[in-house]
Amino acid sequence: MEDYFDIKTSKINGQTVCMFGIFDGHGGSRAAEYLKERLFENLMKHPQFLTDTKTALSGTYQQTDEDFLDSERDTYRDDGSTASTAVLVGSHLYVANVGDSRTIISKAGKGTMIFFNNH
C-alpha cells in the first residue's frame, strides 16, 4: 500500500487547531510518506497560518511540493501523491486537495462535496 494519513491537534495562540490528511501515493510511496511527515508541520510554521489559513494552505501545498521535488531531484524516481486535507482552526473548516482526491462531508447520510480553489 502506498497510502498514508496524518492527524494532528494542537493549541496555537489559544486557538484549537485540528488537521486531517489522506495521502494516496502513485508510482511509489515516497511522495505520500513525505507529505505525511512534512505537510502539516510546514503549515503550522507558515506565518499566515492563523490569520489567513486559505493562503497558508495554498502556499504550504506548493512549497511542500517544491521541497519534495528538490529532495528527489537526483533519484530518477517517478513518485507522486494525491492529497486531501481538512484543517479546523477554531470554528472554521478549510479543505484542500491535490490530484484526484476529494473530500465529502456527510450530515444525516447526505453528502456534500467540498472544493478548495485558490484562484
Protein backbone atom coordinates (compact mmCIF):
# COMPACT_ATOMS: atom_id res chain seq x y z
CA MET A 1 0.00 0.00 0.00
CA GLU A 2 1.17 3.49 -0.81
CA ASP A 3 -1.39 5.31 1.31
CA TYR A 4 -0.70 7.35 4.43
CA PHE A 5 -2.74 9.52 6.74
CA ASP A 6 -1.93 12.11 9.38
CA ILE A 7 -3.92 13.62 12.23
CA LYS A 8 -2.63 16.47 14.36
CA THR A 9 -4.30 18.50 17.09
CA SER A 10 -2.79 21.49 18.82
CA LYS A 11 -3.45 24.74 20.63
CA ILE A 12 -1.79 27.72 18.95
CA ASN A 13 -2.19 31.17 20.49
CA GLY A 14 -5.29 29.93 22.31
CA GLN A 15 -6.90 28.56 19.13
CA THR A 16 -7.72 24.88 18.82
CA VAL A 17 -6.30 23.50 15.58
CA CYS A 18 -7.10 20.05 14.15
CA MET A 19 -5.60 18.75 10.91
CA PHE A 20 -6.57 15.62 9.00
CA GLY A 21 -4.91 14.37 5.82
CA ILE A 22 -5.04 11.39 3.48
CA PHE A 23 -2.19 10.90 1.00
CA ASP A 24 -2.50 8.39 -1.85
CA GLY A 25 0.88 7.52 -3.34
CA HIS A 26 1.27 6.88 -7.06
CA GLY A 27 4.30 5.18 -8.55
CA GLY A 28 5.77 4.52 -5.11
CA SER A 29 5.26 5.52 -1.52
CA ARG A 30 7.93 8.21 -1.11
CA ALA A 31 5.79 11.26 -2.04
CA ALA A 32 2.86 10.22 0.16
CA GLU A 33 5.19 9.49 3.06
CA TYR A 34 6.90 12.87 2.56
CA LEU A 35 3.51 14.62 2.78
CA LYS A 36 2.61 12.73 5.96
CA GLU A 37 5.92 13.71 7.55
CA ARG A 38 6.02 17.37 6.48
CA LEU A 39 2.80 18.94 5.16
CA PHE A 40 1.16 19.83 8.49
CA GLU A 41 4.48 20.76 10.13
CA ASN A 42 5.09 23.18 7.26
CA LEU A 43 1.55 24.55 7.55
CA MET A 44 1.90 25.27 11.27
CA LYS A 45 5.14 27.17 10.56
CA HIS A 46 3.56 29.32 7.84
CA PRO A 47 3.46 32.96 9.02
CA GLN A 48 -0.18 33.39 7.92
CA PHE A 49 -1.49 30.10 9.28
CA LEU A 50 -3.87 31.61 11.84
CA THR A 51 -4.56 34.94 10.14
CA ASP A 52 -5.13 33.78 6.54
CA THR A 53 -5.44 30.00 6.62
CA LYS A 54 -6.60 29.72 3.00
CA THR A 55 -3.47 31.47 1.72
CA ALA A 56 -1.30 29.46 4.12
CA LEU A 57 -2.78 26.17 2.85
CA SER A 58 -2.21 27.07 -0.78
CA GLY A 59 1.34 28.25 -0.14
CA THR A 60 2.18 25.26 2.02
CA TYR A 61 0.94 22.75 -0.55
CA GLN A 62 3.02 24.44 -3.24
CA GLN A 63 6.15 24.81 -1.09
CA THR A 64 5.97 21.22 0.17
CA ASP A 65 5.66 20.02 -3.44
CA GLU A 66 8.70 22.07 -4.45
CA ASP A 67 10.67 20.78 -1.45
CA PHE A 68 9.81 17.16 -2.30
CA LEU A 69 10.80 17.57 -5.95
CA ASP A 70 14.06 19.19 -4.88
CA SER A 71 14.83 16.39 -2.40
CA GLU A 72 14.23 13.74 -5.09
CA ARG A 73 15.97 15.56 -7.96
CA ASP A 74 18.85 13.11 -8.30
CA THR A 75 16.95 9.89 -7.58
CA TYR A 76 15.33 9.42 -11.01
CA ARG A 77 12.18 8.15 -9.31
CA ASP A 78 8.67 8.81 -10.51
CA ASP A 79 6.74 9.01 -7.23
CA GLY A 80 3.72 11.21 -6.81
CA SER A 81 0.76 11.55 -4.49
CA THR A 82 -2.73 12.92 -4.25
CA ALA A 83 -3.68 14.69 -1.04
CA SER A 84 -6.92 15.56 0.67
CA THR A 85 -6.82 17.61 3.86
CA ALA A 86 -9.23 19.22 6.27
CA VAL A 87 -7.98 21.85 8.70
CA LEU A 88 -10.12 23.13 11.55
CA VAL A 89 -8.97 26.43 13.05
CA GLY A 90 -11.30 27.44 15.85
CA SER A 91 -14.74 27.09 14.27
CA HIS A 92 -13.57 27.48 10.64
CA LEU A 93 -13.05 24.43 8.40
CA TYR A 94 -10.67 24.63 5.45
CA VAL A 95 -10.43 21.83 2.90
CA ALA A 96 -7.76 21.40 0.25
CA ASN A 97 -6.94 18.70 -2.27
CA VAL A 98 -4.40 17.89 -4.95
CA GLY A 99 -4.88 15.33 -7.68
CA ASP A 100 -7.97 13.19 -7.99
CA SER A 101 -8.74 13.04 -4.24
CA ARG A 102 -11.83 14.85 -2.98
CA THR A 103 -13.34 15.50 0.43
CA ILE A 104 -17.02 14.89 1.13
CA ILE A 105 -18.81 15.96 4.29
CA SER A 106 -21.85 13.94 5.28
CA LYS A 107 -24.65 15.03 7.57
CA ALA A 108 -27.55 12.67 8.24
CA GLY A 109 -26.42 10.48 5.35
CA LYS A 110 -26.46 13.31 2.80
CA GLY A 111 -23.07 14.09 1.26
CA THR A 112 -21.71 17.41 0.09
CA MET A 113 -18.50 17.62 -1.91
CA ILE A 114 -16.23 20.45 -0.80
CA PHE A 115 -13.93 22.20 -3.24
CA PHE A 116 -10.94 24.37 -2.46
CA ASN A 117 -9.99 26.82 -5.18
CA ASN A 118 -7.03 29.14 -4.76
CA HIS A 119 -7.64 31.12 -7.97
